[in-house]
Amino acid sequence: MDKKQVFISSLLILAVTAIVIMTLVTVKKDNNQDRFSVVGSGKVYAKADIANISVGLKTETKKTAAEATTDSTTKINNIIAEVKKLGIEDKDIQTSNYSLNPVYNYTNTKGQELIGYEVDQTLTLKIRDLNKIGDVISKTTAQGANQIGDISFTIDDESALKDQARALAITEAKTKAVLIAKQSGMKLGEIKSVVENSDPIITPMAYTNAKMDLSAAGGSAPISAPSIQSGQNEIKVDVTLVYEVK
């Protein structure tokens, strides 16, 4: 290879190297493009249309596991029959807890001594007619339920409400971005990404009802249905907009 060919080859190598360097610089510049992010929140309120409630019973201590199981089964079946009379369907009745446990007594003379067994069982009910919440509590209590609580109110279909909340969040984020840019002297470019964060907000209400003794009234005295208020649920959506800064 003569000197001319060597010179031309060197020029070609230098040209290719320069192109690669310029490309890398451009990519680095793009990757390091300034970004500005802003968060907006949107909230809407609506009345709940679903109530979730736990109804359970804990048996008295029985001498054998079979006796405790029989007692629990009889009472829980009566409770299920009662809530079905109130219009709660099978799909909305779920056993969320069942445990058969030994019960011990401790004394200084005998130490730990087995005295019997007890069953703890819980149903989770979904009530679609909120006017029946009080009836569910009173009727199940009359059938032996002695652990009632964890009431929460939800909305069956929140999709339309979330759409409204999201629109409000985006509007707030855009307004905030324009204001901050004006105050700081930035020039906003295009929106490069949108991140949504929405968490369901459930309204919980604790309600416990100790076991009622109906023996004095022969077990036939009606139990007054408590008044349970559902109020409104908040549907909130947070949106983060990421802008390009010119």
C-alpha atoms as a PDB file:
ATOM      1  CA  MET A   1       0.000   0.000   0.000  1.00  0.00           C
ATOM      2  CA  ASP A   2       1.485   3.384  -1.070  1.00  0.00           C
ATOM      3  CA  LYS A   3       1.463   6.601   0.979  1.00  0.00           C
ATOM      4  CA  LYS A   4      -1.581   7.956  -0.875  1.00  0.00           C
ATOM      5  CA  GLN A   5      -3.703   4.926  -0.014  1.00  0.00           C
ATOM      6  CA  VAL A   6      -2.537   5.095   3.603  1.00  0.00           C
ATOM      7  CA  PHE A   7      -3.521   8.764   3.765  1.00  0.00           C
ATOM      8  CA  ILE A   8      -6.986   8.106   2.310  1.00  0.00           C
ATOM      9  CA  SER A   9      -7.549   5.208   4.700  1.00  0.00           C
ATOM     10  CA  SER A  10      -6.556   7.398   7.625  1.00  0.00           C
ATOM     11  CA  LEU A  11      -9.007  10.086   6.537  1.00  0.00           C
ATOM     12  CA  LEU A  12     -11.802   7.530   6.290  1.00  0.00           C
ATOM     13  CA  ILE A  13     -11.025   6.214   9.775  1.00  0.00           C
ATOM     14  CA  LEU A  14     -11.022   9.729  11.191  1.00  0.00           C
ATOM     15  CA  ALA A  15     -14.320  10.541   9.478  1.00  0.00           C
ATOM     16  CA  VAL A  16     -16.002   7.416  10.837  1.00  0.00           C
ATOM     17  CA  THR A  17     -14.609   8.132  14.296  1.00  0.00           C
ATOM     18  CA  ALA A  18     -15.960  11.682  14.184  1.00  0.00           C
ATOM     19  CA  ILE A  19     -19.419  10.449  13.185  1.00  0.00           C
ATOM     20  CA  VAL A  20     -19.448   7.939  16.053  1.00  0.00           C
ATOM     21  CA  ILE A  21     -18.342  10.614  18.535  1.00  0.00           C
ATOM     22  CA  MET A  22     -21.032  13.054  17.340  1.00  0.00           C
ATOM     23  CA  THR A  23     -23.658  10.333  17.583  1.00  0.00           C
ATOM     24  CA  LEU A  24     -22.621   9.489  21.133  1.00  0.00           C
ATOM     25  CA  VAL A  25     -22.682  13.156  22.113  1.00  0.00           C
ATOM     26  CA  THR A  26     -26.152  13.584  20.624  1.00  0.00           C
ATOM     27  CA  VAL A  27     -27.470  10.479  22.388  1.00  0.00           C
ATOM     28  CA  LYS A  28     -25.943  11.628  25.670  1.00  0.00           C
ATOM     29  CA  LYS A  29     -27.519  15.054  25.223  1.00  0.00           C
ATOM     30  CA  ASP A  30     -30.918  13.471  24.546  1.00  0.00           C
ATOM     31  CA  ASN A  31     -30.594  11.157  27.529  1.00  0.00           C
ATOM     32  CA  ASN A  32     -29.689  14.085  29.732  1.00  0.00           C
ATOM     33  CA  GLN A  33     -32.572  16.201  28.440  1.00  0.00           C
ATOM     34  CA  ASP A  34     -33.996  18.196  31.306  1.00  0.00           C
ATOM     35  CA  ARG A  35     -37.263  16.922  32.685  1.00  0.00           C
ATOM     36  CA  PHE A  36     -39.825  18.499  34.974  1.00  0.00           C
ATOM     37  CA  SER A  37     -42.519  16.510  36.782  1.00  0.00           C
ATOM     38  CA  VAL A  38     -45.653  17.734  38.507  1.00  0.00           C
ATOM     39  CA  VAL A  39     -48.367  15.904  40.441  1.00  0.00           C
ATOM     40  CA  GLY A  40     -52.085  16.589  40.291  1.00  0.00           C
ATOM     41  CA  SER A  41     -54.875  15.082  42.398  1.00  0.00           C
ATOM     42  CA  GLY A  42     -58.501  14.558  41.496  1.00  0.00           C
ATOM     43  CA  LYS A  43     -61.266  13.632  43.916  1.00  0.00           C
ATOM     44  CA  VAL A  44     -64.916  12.775  43.430  1.00  0.00           C
ATOM     45  CA  TYR A  45     -67.457  11.639  45.993  1.00  0.00           C
ATOM     46  CA  ALA A  46     -70.280   9.152  45.669  1.00  0.00           C
ATOM     47  CA  LYS A  47     -72.586   7.205  47.926  1.00  0.00           C
ATOM     48  CA  ALA A  48     -71.510   3.618  48.559  1.00  0.00           C
ATOM     49  CA  ASP A  49     -73.726   0.850  47.208  1.00  0.00           C
ATOM     50  CA  ILE A  50     -72.071  -2.201  48.795  1.00  0.00           C
ATOM     51  CA  ALA A  51     -71.581  -3.041  52.470  1.00  0.00           C
ATOM     52  CA  ASN A  52     -69.158  -5.743  53.612  1.00  0.00           C
ATOM     53  CA  ILE A  53     -69.574  -7.137  57.104  1.00  0.00           C
ATOM     54  CA  SER A  54     -68.126  -9.995  59.159  1.00  0.00           C
ATOM     55  CA  VAL A  55     -70.551 -12.132  61.152  1.00  0.00           C
ATOM     56  CA  GLY A  56     -69.109 -14.802  63.409  1.00  0.00           C
ATOM     57  CA  LEU A  57     -69.649 -16.913  66.448  1.00  0.00           C
ATOM     58  CA  LYS A  58     -67.465 -18.430  69.102  1.00  0.00           C
ATOM     59  CA  THR A  59     -68.964 -21.411  70.879  1.00  0.00           C
ATOM     60  CA  GLU A  60     -68.918 -22.001  74.577  1.00  0.00           C
ATOM     61  CA  THR A  61     -66.350 -24.530  75.709  1.00  0.00           C
ATOM     62  CA  LYS A  62     -67.559 -28.102  75.107  1.00  0.00           C
ATOM     63  CA  LYS A  63     -66.118 -31.279  76.575  1.00  0.00           C
ATOM     64  CA  THR A  64     -65.355 -32.821  73.191  1.00  0.00           C
ATOM     65  CA  ALA A  65     -64.386 -31.505  69.770  1.00  0.00           C
ATOM     66  CA  ALA A  66     -67.443 -33.213  68.288  1.00  0.00           C
ATOM     67  CA  GLU A  67     -69.797 -31.323  70.622  1.00  0.00           C
ATOM     68  CA  ALA A  68     -68.157 -27.985  69.824  1.00  0.00           C
ATOM     69  CA  THR A  69     -68.316 -28.690  66.086  1.00  0.00           C
ATOM     70  CA  THR A  70     -71.973 -29.723  66.250  1.00  0.00           C
ATOM     71  CA  ASP A  71     -72.915 -26.615  68.213  1.00  0.00           C
ATOM     72  CA  SER A  72     -71.082 -24.329  65.785  1.00  0.00           C
ATOM     73  CA  THR A  73     -72.494 -26.054  62.695  1.00  0.00           C
ATOM     74  CA  THR A  74     -76.078 -25.784  63.930  1.00  0.00           C
ATOM     75  CA  LYS A  75     -75.771 -22.097  64.742  1.00  0.00           C
ATOM     76  CA  ILE A  76     -73.870 -21.086  61.607  1.00  0.00           C
ATOM     77  CA  ASN A  77     -76.381 -22.924  59.407  1.00  0.00           C
ATOM     78  CA  ASN A  78     -79.192 -21.022  61.110  1.00  0.00           C
ATOM     79  CA  ILE A  79     -77.324 -17.758  60.537  1.00  0.00           C
ATOM     80  CA  ILE A  80     -76.844 -18.548  56.838  1.00  0.00           C
ATOM     81  CA  ALA A  81     -80.520 -19.465  56.466  1.00  0.00           C
ATOM     82  CA  GLU A  82     -81.502 -16.170  58.111  1.00  0.00           C
ATOM     83  CA  VAL A  83     -79.365 -13.975  55.847  1.00  0.00           C
ATOM     84  CA  LYS A  84     -80.677 -15.794  52.788  1.00  0.00           C
ATOM     85  CA  LYS A  85     -84.193 -14.884  53.902  1.00  0.00           C
ATOM     86  CA  LEU A  86     -83.029 -11.263  53.766  1.00  0.00           C
ATOM     87  CA  GLY A  87     -82.070 -11.702  50.109  1.00  0.00           C
ATOM     88  CA  ILE A  88     -78.323 -12.276  50.384  1.00  0.00           C
ATOM     89  CA  GLU A  89     -77.278 -14.752  47.699  1.00  0.00           C
ATOM     90  CA  ASP A  90     -74.819 -17.640  47.970  1.00  0.00           C
ATOM     91  CA  LYS A  91     -72.207 -15.743  45.937  1.00  0.00           C
ATOM     92  CA  ASP A  92     -72.168 -13.025  48.603  1.00  0.00           C
ATOM     93  CA  ILE A  93     -71.663 -15.384  51.559  1.00  0.00           C
ATOM     94  CA  GLN A  94     -68.112 -16.552  52.231  1.00  0.00           C
ATOM     95  CA  THR A  95     -66.549 -18.463  55.118  1.00  0.00           C
ATOM     96  CA  SER A  96     -63.493 -16.378  55.970  1.00  0.00           C
ATOM     97  CA  ASN A  97     -62.432 -18.141  59.160  1.00  0.00           C
ATOM     98  CA  TYR A  98     -62.927 -21.539  60.813  1.00  0.00           C
ATOM     99  CA  SER A  99     -60.902 -22.877  63.695  1.00  0.00           C
ATOM    100  CA  LEU A 100     -61.383 -25.657  66.237  1.00  0.00           C
ATOM    101  CA  ASN A 101     -59.219 -25.023  69.275  1.00  0.00           C
ATOM    102  CA  PRO A 102     -58.474 -26.861  72.529  1.00  0.00           C
ATOM    103  CA  VAL A 103     -59.142 -24.886  75.712  1.00  0.00           C
ATOM    104  CA  TYR A 104     -56.780 -25.253  78.661  1.00  0.00           C
ATOM    105  CA  ASN A 105     -56.928 -24.217  82.283  1.00  0.00           C
ATOM    106  CA  TYR A 106     -53.802 -23.705  84.331  1.00  0.00           C
ATOM    107  CA  THR A 107     -53.541 -24.230  88.074  1.00  0.00           C
ATOM    108  CA  ASN A 108     -50.560 -24.330  90.380  1.00  0.00           C
ATOM    109  CA  THR A 109     -51.410 -27.856  91.504  1.00  0.00           C
ATOM    110  CA  LYS A 110     -52.245 -29.533  88.179  1.00  0.00           C
ATOM    111  CA  GLY A 111     -50.461 -27.258  85.733  1.00  0.00           C
ATOM    112  CA  GLN A 112     -51.966 -27.076  82.241  1.00  0.00           C
ATOM    113  CA  GLU A 113     -55.168 -29.108  82.004  1.00  0.00           C
ATOM    114  CA  LEU A 114     -57.371 -29.640  78.938  1.00  0.00           C
ATOM    115  CA  ILE A 115     -60.937 -28.654  79.797  1.00  0.00           C
ATOM    116  CA  GLY A 116     -62.586 -28.823  76.382  1.00  0.00           C
ATOM    117  CA  TYR A 117     -62.851 -27.397  72.879  1.00  0.00           C
ATOM    118  CA  GLU A 118     -64.320 -24.357  71.163  1.00  0.00           C
ATOM    119  CA  VAL A 119     -65.021 -23.379  67.559  1.00  0.00           C
ATOM    120  CA  ASP A 120     -64.477 -19.912  66.114  1.00  0.00           C
ATOM    121  CA  GLN A 121     -66.161 -19.353  62.755  1.00  0.00           C
ATOM    122  CA  THR A 122     -66.671 -16.213  60.663  1.00  0.00           C
ATOM    123  CA  LEU A 123     -68.741 -15.393  57.587  1.00  0.00           C
ATOM    124  CA  THR A 124     -68.026 -12.415  55.345  1.00  0.00           C
ATOM    125  CA  LEU A 125     -71.220 -11.042  53.840  1.00  0.00           C
ATOM    126  CA  LYS A 126     -71.661  -8.660  50.939  1.00  0.00           C
ATOM    127  CA  ILE A 127     -74.868  -6.669  51.382  1.00  0.00           C
ATOM    128  CA  ARG A 128     -76.155  -5.030  48.204  1.00  0.00           C
ATOM    129  CA  ASP A 129     -79.234  -3.462  49.779  1.00  0.00           C
ATOM    130  CA  LEU A 130     -77.857  -1.053  52.376  1.00  0.00           C
ATOM    131  CA  ASN A 131     -81.267  -0.742  54.009  1.00  0.00           C
ATOM    132  CA  LYS A 132     -80.848  -4.313  55.264  1.00  0.00           C
ATOM    133  CA  ILE A 133     -77.604  -3.833  57.210  1.00  0.00           C
ATOM    134  CA  GLY A 134     -79.367  -3.353  60.527  1.00  0.00           C
ATOM    135  CA  ASP A 135     -81.628  -6.355  59.888  1.00  0.00           C
ATOM    136  CA  VAL A 136     -78.610  -8.532  59.100  1.00  0.00           C
ATOM    137  CA  ILE A 137     -77.009  -7.572  62.409  1.00  0.00           C
ATOM    138  CA  SER A 138     -80.137  -8.100  64.511  1.00  0.00           C
ATOM    139  CA  LYS A 139     -81.272 -11.325  62.813  1.00  0.00           C
ATOM    140  CA  THR A 140     -77.856 -13.005  62.895  1.00  0.00           C
ATOM    141  CA  THR A 141     -77.353 -12.002  66.527  1.00  0.00           C
ATOM    142  CA  ALA A 142     -80.677 -13.606  67.371  1.00  0.00           C
ATOM    143  CA  GLN A 143     -79.402 -16.829  65.793  1.00  0.00           C
ATOM    144  CA  GLY A 144     -76.262 -16.953  67.937  1.00  0.00           C
ATOM    145  CA  ALA A 145     -73.768 -14.637  66.244  1.00  0.00           C
ATOM    146  CA  ASN A 146     -71.602 -13.011  68.914  1.00  0.00           C
ATOM    147  CA  GLN A 147     -68.822 -11.472  66.825  1.00  0.00           C
ATOM    148  CA  ILE A 148     -69.955  -8.807  64.369  1.00  0.00           C
ATOM    149  CA  GLY A 149     -67.785  -6.104  62.894  1.00  0.00           C
ATOM    150  CA  ASP A 150     -65.383  -4.957  60.173  1.00  0.00           C
ATOM    151  CA  ILE A 151     -68.136  -3.116  58.340  1.00  0.00           C
ATOM    152  CA  SER A 152     -66.859  -1.330  55.240  1.00  0.00           C
ATOM    153  CA  PHE A 153     -68.604   0.484  52.413  1.00  0.00           C
ATOM    154  CA  THR A 154     -67.508   0.269  48.789  1.00  0.00           C
ATOM    155  CA  ILE A 155     -68.755   1.144  45.326  1.00  0.00           C
ATOM    156  CA  ASP A 156     -69.394  -1.819  43.063  1.00  0.00           C
ATOM    157  CA  ASP A 157     -68.244  -0.149  39.826  1.00  0.00           C
ATOM    158  CA  GLU A 158     -65.850   2.779  40.237  1.00  0.00           C
ATOM    159  CA  SER A 159     -64.629   2.988  36.638  1.00  0.00           C
ATOM    160  CA  ALA A 160     -66.719   6.025  35.613  1.00  0.00           C
ATOM    161  CA  LEU A 161     -65.905   7.804  38.878  1.00  0.00           C
ATOM    162  CA  LYS A 162     -62.181   7.132  38.402  1.00  0.00           C
ATOM    163  CA  ASP A 163     -62.407   8.605  34.889  1.00  0.00           C
ATOM    164  CA  GLN A 164     -63.827  11.798  36.383  1.00  0.00           C
ATOM    165  CA  ALA A 165     -61.166  11.910  39.099  1.00  0.00           C
ATOM    166  CA  ARG A 166     -58.396  11.307  36.559  1.00  0.00           C
ATOM    167  CA  ALA A 167     -59.602  14.165  34.348  1.00  0.00           C
ATOM    168  CA  LEU A 168     -59.575  16.485  37.350  1.00  0.00           C
ATOM    169  CA  ALA A 169     -56.078  15.314  38.310  1.00  0.00           C
ATOM    170  CA  ILE A 170     -54.656  15.938  34.827  1.00  0.00           C
ATOM    171  CA  THR A 171     -56.252  19.381  34.685  1.00  0.00           C
ATOM    172  CA  GLU A 172     -54.782  20.272  38.074  1.00  0.00           C
ATOM    173  CA  ALA A 173     -51.331  18.972  37.082  1.00  0.00           C
ATOM    174  CA  LYS A 174     -51.314  20.980  33.839  1.00  0.00           C
ATOM    175  CA  THR A 175     -52.442  24.153  35.617  1.00  0.00           C
ATOM    176  CA  LYS A 176     -49.771  23.664  38.269  1.00  0.00           C
ATOM    177  CA  ALA A 177     -47.072  23.042  35.634  1.00  0.00           C
ATOM    178  CA  VAL A 178     -47.905  26.246  33.751  1.00  0.00           C
ATOM    179  CA  LEU A 179     -47.882  28.273  36.970  1.00  0.00           C
ATOM    180  CA  ILE A 180     -44.557  26.848  38.182  1.00  0.00           C
ATOM    181  CA  ALA A 181     -42.984  27.366  34.755  1.00  0.00           C
ATOM    182  CA  LYS A 182     -44.124  30.992  34.739  1.00  0.00           C
ATOM    183  CA  GLN A 183     -42.840  31.616  38.255  1.00  0.00           C
ATOM    184  CA  SER A 184     -39.474  29.954  37.628  1.00  0.00           C
ATOM    185  CA  GLY A 185     -38.867  31.135  34.079  1.00  0.00           C
ATOM    186  CA  MET A 186     -38.869  27.614  32.576  1.00  0.00           C
ATOM    187  CA  LYS A 187     -40.168  26.854  29.122  1.00  0.00           C
ATOM    188  CA  LEU A 188     -42.230  23.702  29.025  1.00  0.00           C
ATOM    189  CA  GLY A 189     -42.028  21.308  26.122  1.00  0.00           C
ATOM    190  CA  GLU A 190     -44.126  18.251  25.386  1.00  0.00           C
ATOM    191  CA  ILE A 191     -45.463  15.847  27.987  1.00  0.00           C
ATOM    192  CA  LYS A 192     -43.154  12.844  27.882  1.00  0.00           C
ATOM    193  CA  SER A 193     -44.914  10.480  30.276  1.00  0.00           C
ATOM    194  CA  VAL A 194     -47.963  10.120  32.492  1.00  0.00           C
ATOM    195  CA  VAL A 195     -48.041   8.018  35.652  1.00  0.00           C
ATOM    196  CA  GLU A 196     -51.310   7.291  37.441  1.00  0.00           C
ATOM    197  CA  ASN A 197     -51.697   6.227  41.029  1.00  0.00           C
ATOM    198  CA  SER A 198     -55.147   5.450  42.369  1.00  0.00           C
ATOM    199  CA  ASP A 199     -55.841   3.653  45.611  1.00  0.00           C
ATOM    200  CA  PRO A 200     -59.310   2.484  46.604  1.00  0.00           C
ATOM    201  CA  ILE A 201     -60.513   4.263  49.710  1.00  0.00           C
ATOM    202  CA  ILE A 202     -62.728   2.068  51.832  1.00  0.00           C
ATOM    203  CA  THR A 203     -64.758   3.486  54.671  1.00  0.00           C
ATOM    204  CA  PRO A 204     -64.351   1.092  57.608  1.00  0.00           C
ATOM    205  CA  MET A 205     -66.607   1.026  60.630  1.00  0.00           C
ATOM    206  CA  ALA A 206     -65.990  -1.079  63.688  1.00  0.00           C
ATOM    207  CA  TYR A 207     -69.074  -2.677  65.181  1.00  0.00           C
ATOM    208  CA  THR A 208     -68.979  -5.394  67.787  1.00  0.00           C
ATOM    209  CA  ASN A 209     -71.906  -7.019  69.486  1.00  0.00           C
ATOM    210  CA  ALA A 210     -71.428  -9.164  72.579  1.00  0.00           C
ATOM    211  CA  LYS A 211     -73.425 -12.355  72.798  1.00  0.00           C
ATOM    212  CA  MET A 212     -76.983 -11.541  73.848  1.00  0.00           C
ATOM    213  CA  ASP A 213     -78.732 -13.539  76.541  1.00  0.00           C
ATOM    214  CA  LEU A 214     -82.321 -14.164  75.499  1.00  0.00           C
ATOM    215  CA  SER A 215     -83.083 -16.718  78.181  1.00  0.00           C
ATOM    216  CA  ALA A 216     -85.054 -14.238  80.305  1.00  0.00           C
ATOM    217  CA  ALA A 217     -87.422 -13.627  77.429  1.00  0.00           C
ATOM    218  CA  GLY A 218     -87.576 -17.262  76.411  1.00  0.00           C
ATOM    219  CA  GLY A 219     -85.369 -16.592  73.395  1.00  0.00           C
ATOM    220  CA  SER A 220     -88.211 -14.941  71.506  1.00  0.00           C
ATOM    221  CA  ALA A 221     -87.657 -11.257  72.263  1.00  0.00           C
ATOM    222  CA  PRO A 222     -86.981  -9.263  69.087  1.00  0.00           C
ATOM    223  CA  ILE A 223     -83.628  -7.505  68.826  1.00  0.00           C
ATOM    224  CA  SER A 224     -83.746  -3.939  67.579  1.00  0.00           C
ATOM    225  CA  ALA A 225     -81.912  -3.359  64.311  1.00  0.00           C
ATOM    226  CA  PRO A 226     -79.109  -0.790  64.727  1.00  0.00           C
ATOM    227  CA  SER A 227     -78.950   2.199  62.391  1.00  0.00           C
ATOM    228  CA  ILE A 228     -75.789   2.048  60.270  1.00  0.00           C
ATOM    229  CA  GLN A 229     -74.917   5.077  58.126  1.00  0.00           C
ATOM    230  CA  SER A 230     -72.904   4.574  54.940  1.00  0.00           C
ATOM    231  CA  GLY A 231     -72.060   8.217  54.187  1.00  0.00           C
ATOM    232  CA  GLN A 232     -70.049   8.902  51.027  1.00  0.00           C
ATOM    233  CA  ASN A 233     -66.918   7.335  49.581  1.00  0.00           C
ATOM    234  CA  GLU A 234     -64.004   9.317  48.200  1.00  0.00           C
ATOM    235  CA  ILE A 235     -62.486   8.227  44.888  1.00  0.00           C
ATOM    236  CA  LYS A 236     -59.038   9.764  44.445  1.00  0.00           C
ATOM    237  CA  VAL A 237     -56.608   9.586  41.527  1.00  0.00           C
ATOM    238  CA  ASP A 238     -53.096  11.072  41.535  1.00  0.00           C
ATOM    239  CA  VAL A 239     -51.412  11.750  38.205  1.00  0.00           C
ATOM    240  CA  THR A 240     -47.763  12.649  37.584  1.00  0.00           C
ATOM    241  CA  LEU A 241     -46.992  14.467  34.324  1.00  0.00           C
ATOM    242  CA  VAL A 242     -43.396  14.579  33.136  1.00  0.00           C
ATOM    243  CA  TYR A 243     -42.615  17.522  30.848  1.00  0.00           C
ATOM    244  CA  GLU A 244     -39.669  18.204  28.586  1.00  0.00           C
ATOM    245  CA  VAL A 245     -37.941  21.466  29.475  1.00  0.00           C
ATOM    246  CA  LYS A 246     -36.810  23.469  26.471  1.00  0.00           C
END
